Amino acid sequence: MHVTLQQGDITLVEADAIVNAANSGLFGGGGVDGAIHAAGGPEIRAACERLRATSLPRGLPTGEAVATPAGRLAARHVIHVVGPVYDPAEDRSALLRSAYTRALAVADELGAASVAFPAVSAGVYGWPLDDAARLAVTTVLAADTRVAQARFVLYDDQAYRAFSAALAAASRR
């Protein structure tokens, strides 16, 4: 898999799928989640409502992923993942890694060759950025997937630098 970095707005990315750092309710929120719902339009919300009414009545569990159409976005699909809230007293790294591996598994089910990821859990969920970047990059690089192109789309300079350092460190291994 070829992994790249880009600074910018994930809602503008052309890819087979973009990953949404969602909350378990799937109805939009702040940050990436709110931006994807706003830019994608009512089709995403309607698809999430159908999921909640059928297969996910209690919401999407932490570390899991589910796909919807992308509505008005340039991508074909949105893969919603729920990352863990950071807790310094409890190691939730496996849940964060799971969010990335489950997103790639769903991408494989969709036949997606290209996937764009945000920095899951590194915003309002409080995960320290350097650790979130390390976990994201190493997990995606080690994943057993048919996805050919993974792109991390980072909103600001600080996130871009953290992911750049993580990718460089992983490349030296």
Protein backbone atom coordinates (compact mmCIF):
# COMPACT_ATOMS: atom_id res chain seq x y z
CA MET A 1 0.00 0.00 0.00
CA HIS A 2 1.18 3.50 -0.83
CA VAL A 3 0.68 5.93 2.08
CA THR A 4 0.72 9.69 1.59
CA LEU A 5 0.00 12.81 3.62
CA GLN A 6 -1.92 15.91 2.68
CA GLN A 7 -2.79 19.00 4.62
CA GLY A 8 -6.28 20.26 3.99
CA ASP A 9 -9.99 19.58 4.12
CA ILE A 10 -10.97 15.90 3.88
CA THR A 11 -14.41 16.85 2.52
CA LEU A 12 -12.73 18.00 -0.72
CA VAL A 13 -10.69 14.84 -1.30
CA GLU A 14 -11.37 12.68 -4.34
CA ALA A 15 -11.08 9.06 -3.25
CA ASP A 16 -13.12 5.90 -3.38
CA ALA A 17 -13.82 6.41 0.32
CA ILE A 18 -13.14 8.95 3.01
CA VAL A 19 -13.14 8.02 6.67
CA ASN A 20 -15.28 9.98 9.09
CA ALA A 21 -14.18 10.28 12.72
CA ALA A 22 -17.77 9.84 13.89
CA ASN A 23 -19.48 9.59 17.23
CA SER A 24 -21.39 6.42 18.04
CA GLY A 25 -24.73 8.07 17.26
CA LEU A 26 -23.71 8.63 13.61
CA PHE A 27 -25.70 11.85 13.37
CA GLY A 28 -22.88 14.33 12.95
CA GLY A 29 -21.16 16.41 15.54
CA GLY A 30 -18.17 18.70 15.65
CA GLY A 31 -14.87 18.62 13.82
CA VAL A 32 -14.44 16.19 10.93
CA ASP A 33 -17.80 14.55 11.64
CA GLY A 34 -19.78 17.78 11.39
CA ALA A 35 -17.85 18.91 8.32
CA ILE A 36 -18.50 15.63 6.47
CA HIS A 37 -22.21 15.67 7.29
CA ALA A 38 -22.51 19.34 6.26
CA ALA A 39 -20.60 18.98 3.00
CA GLY A 40 -22.13 15.62 2.07
CA GLY A 41 -25.68 16.76 2.55
CA PRO A 42 -28.85 15.00 3.65
CA GLU A 43 -28.06 11.68 1.91
CA ILE A 44 -25.43 10.85 4.55
CA ARG A 45 -27.77 11.73 7.40
CA ALA A 46 -30.58 9.65 5.88
CA ALA A 47 -28.25 6.65 5.47
CA CYS A 48 -27.13 6.99 9.09
CA GLU A 49 -30.74 7.19 10.25
CA ARG A 50 -31.49 3.94 8.35
CA LEU A 51 -28.52 2.25 10.04
CA ARG A 52 -29.71 3.40 13.47
CA ALA A 53 -33.24 2.19 12.73
CA THR A 54 -32.06 -1.25 11.57
CA SER A 55 -28.63 -2.80 12.16
CA LEU A 56 -27.20 -0.27 14.67
CA PRO A 57 -30.03 0.69 17.06
CA ARG A 58 -27.54 1.35 19.88
CA GLY A 59 -25.10 3.17 17.62
CA LEU A 60 -21.73 2.20 16.20
CA PRO A 61 -19.41 0.70 18.83
CA THR A 62 -15.98 2.19 19.49
CA GLY A 63 -13.36 0.71 17.17
CA GLU A 64 -15.91 -0.34 14.55
CA ALA A 65 -16.70 0.95 11.04
CA VAL A 66 -19.69 1.18 8.72
CA ALA A 67 -20.13 2.70 5.25
CA THR A 68 -22.71 5.03 3.76
CA PRO A 69 -22.98 6.81 0.41
CA ALA A 70 -21.00 10.05 0.25
CA GLY A 71 -23.80 12.32 -0.90
CA ARG A 72 -22.39 15.50 -2.45
CA LEU A 73 -18.78 14.72 -1.52
CA ALA A 74 -16.13 14.00 -4.18
CA ALA A 75 -15.64 10.53 -2.65
CA ARG A 76 -17.97 7.63 -3.47
CA HIS A 77 -18.35 6.36 0.09
CA VAL A 78 -17.98 7.55 3.67
CA ILE A 79 -16.66 5.00 6.13
CA HIS A 80 -17.71 6.07 9.61
CA VAL A 81 -15.46 4.95 12.48
CA VAL A 82 -15.73 5.60 16.19
CA GLY A 83 -12.37 6.17 17.80
CA PRO A 84 -11.88 5.95 21.54
CA VAL A 85 -11.82 8.90 23.89
CA TYR A 86 -8.31 9.20 25.33
CA ASP A 87 -7.94 8.16 28.95
CA PRO A 88 -4.44 8.33 30.46
CA ALA A 89 -5.53 5.79 33.10
CA GLU A 90 -6.61 3.14 30.56
CA ASP A 91 -4.78 1.90 27.46
CA ARG A 92 -7.30 2.15 24.62
CA SER A 93 -4.72 1.83 21.83
CA ALA A 94 -6.27 -1.41 20.56
CA LEU A 95 -9.56 0.41 19.98
CA LEU A 96 -7.84 3.16 18.02
CA ARG A 97 -5.97 0.62 15.91
CA SER A 98 -9.24 -1.24 15.38
CA ALA A 99 -10.90 1.90 13.99
CA TYR A 100 -8.27 1.99 11.23
CA THR A 101 -8.22 -1.76 10.49
CA ARG A 102 -12.02 -1.98 10.47
CA ALA A 103 -12.16 1.03 8.11
CA LEU A 104 -9.80 -0.78 5.74
CA ALA A 105 -11.85 -3.99 6.01
CA VAL A 106 -14.99 -2.06 5.07
CA ALA A 107 -13.06 -0.41 2.21
CA ASP A 108 -12.14 -3.89 0.98
CA GLU A 109 -15.82 -4.91 1.11
CA LEU A 110 -16.66 -1.85 -1.00
CA GLY A 111 -13.88 -2.58 -3.50
CA ALA A 112 -12.23 0.77 -2.68
CA ALA A 113 -8.71 1.21 -4.00
CA SER A 114 -8.16 4.62 -2.37
CA VAL A 115 -9.06 5.74 1.15
CA ALA A 116 -8.52 9.07 2.90
CA PHE A 117 -8.24 9.16 6.69
CA PRO A 118 -8.42 11.99 9.22
CA ALA A 119 -6.53 11.88 12.53
CA VAL A 120 -9.07 9.72 14.37
CA SER A 121 -9.46 10.52 18.09
CA ALA A 122 -6.84 13.31 17.94
CA GLY A 123 -9.37 16.15 18.11
CA VAL A 124 -12.11 16.51 20.69
CA TYR A 125 -11.48 12.92 21.89
CA GLY A 126 -8.18 14.18 23.28
CA TRP A 127 -5.70 11.56 22.03
CA PRO A 128 -2.16 13.00 22.12
CA LEU A 129 -1.34 13.87 18.54
CA ASP A 130 2.10 12.22 18.27
CA ASP A 131 0.77 8.94 19.65
CA ALA A 132 -2.37 9.08 17.50
CA ALA A 133 -0.16 9.61 14.43
CA ARG A 134 2.16 6.73 15.35
CA LEU A 135 -0.73 4.33 15.93
CA ALA A 136 -2.53 5.39 12.75
CA VAL A 137 0.49 5.14 10.46
CA THR A 138 1.84 1.85 11.80
CA THR A 139 -1.63 0.26 11.81
CA VAL A 140 -2.42 1.27 8.24
CA LEU A 141 1.02 0.20 6.97
CA ALA A 142 0.68 -3.22 8.64
CA ALA A 143 -2.92 -3.86 7.55
CA ASP A 144 -3.85 -6.83 5.41
CA THR A 145 -5.91 -5.00 2.77
CA ARG A 146 -6.45 -4.65 -0.94
CA VAL A 147 -6.52 -0.85 -0.64
CA ALA A 148 -3.72 0.48 -2.84
CA GLN A 149 -3.65 4.13 -1.74
CA ALA A 150 -4.11 5.42 1.81
CA ARG A 151 -3.93 9.14 2.39
CA PHE A 152 -3.94 10.90 5.74
CA VAL A 153 -5.62 14.26 5.31
CA LEU A 154 -4.56 16.50 8.18
CA TYR A 155 -6.35 19.71 8.97
CA ASP A 156 -3.48 21.82 10.31
CA ASP A 157 0.32 22.17 10.39
CA GLN A 158 0.67 20.52 13.79
CA ALA A 159 -1.16 17.35 12.71
CA TYR A 160 0.71 17.26 9.40
CA ARG A 161 4.07 17.47 11.21
CA ALA A 162 3.10 14.71 13.66
CA PHE A 163 1.98 12.37 10.88
CA SER A 164 5.02 13.23 8.77
CA ALA A 165 7.31 12.28 11.68
CA ALA A 166 5.36 9.06 12.28
CA LEU A 167 5.55 8.09 8.60
CA ALA A 168 9.28 8.83 8.46
CA ALA A 169 9.89 6.74 11.60
CA ALA A 170 7.84 3.84 10.22
CA SER A 171 9.73 4.01 6.91
CA ARG A 172 13.08 3.62 8.70
CA ARG A 173 12.04 0.28 10.16
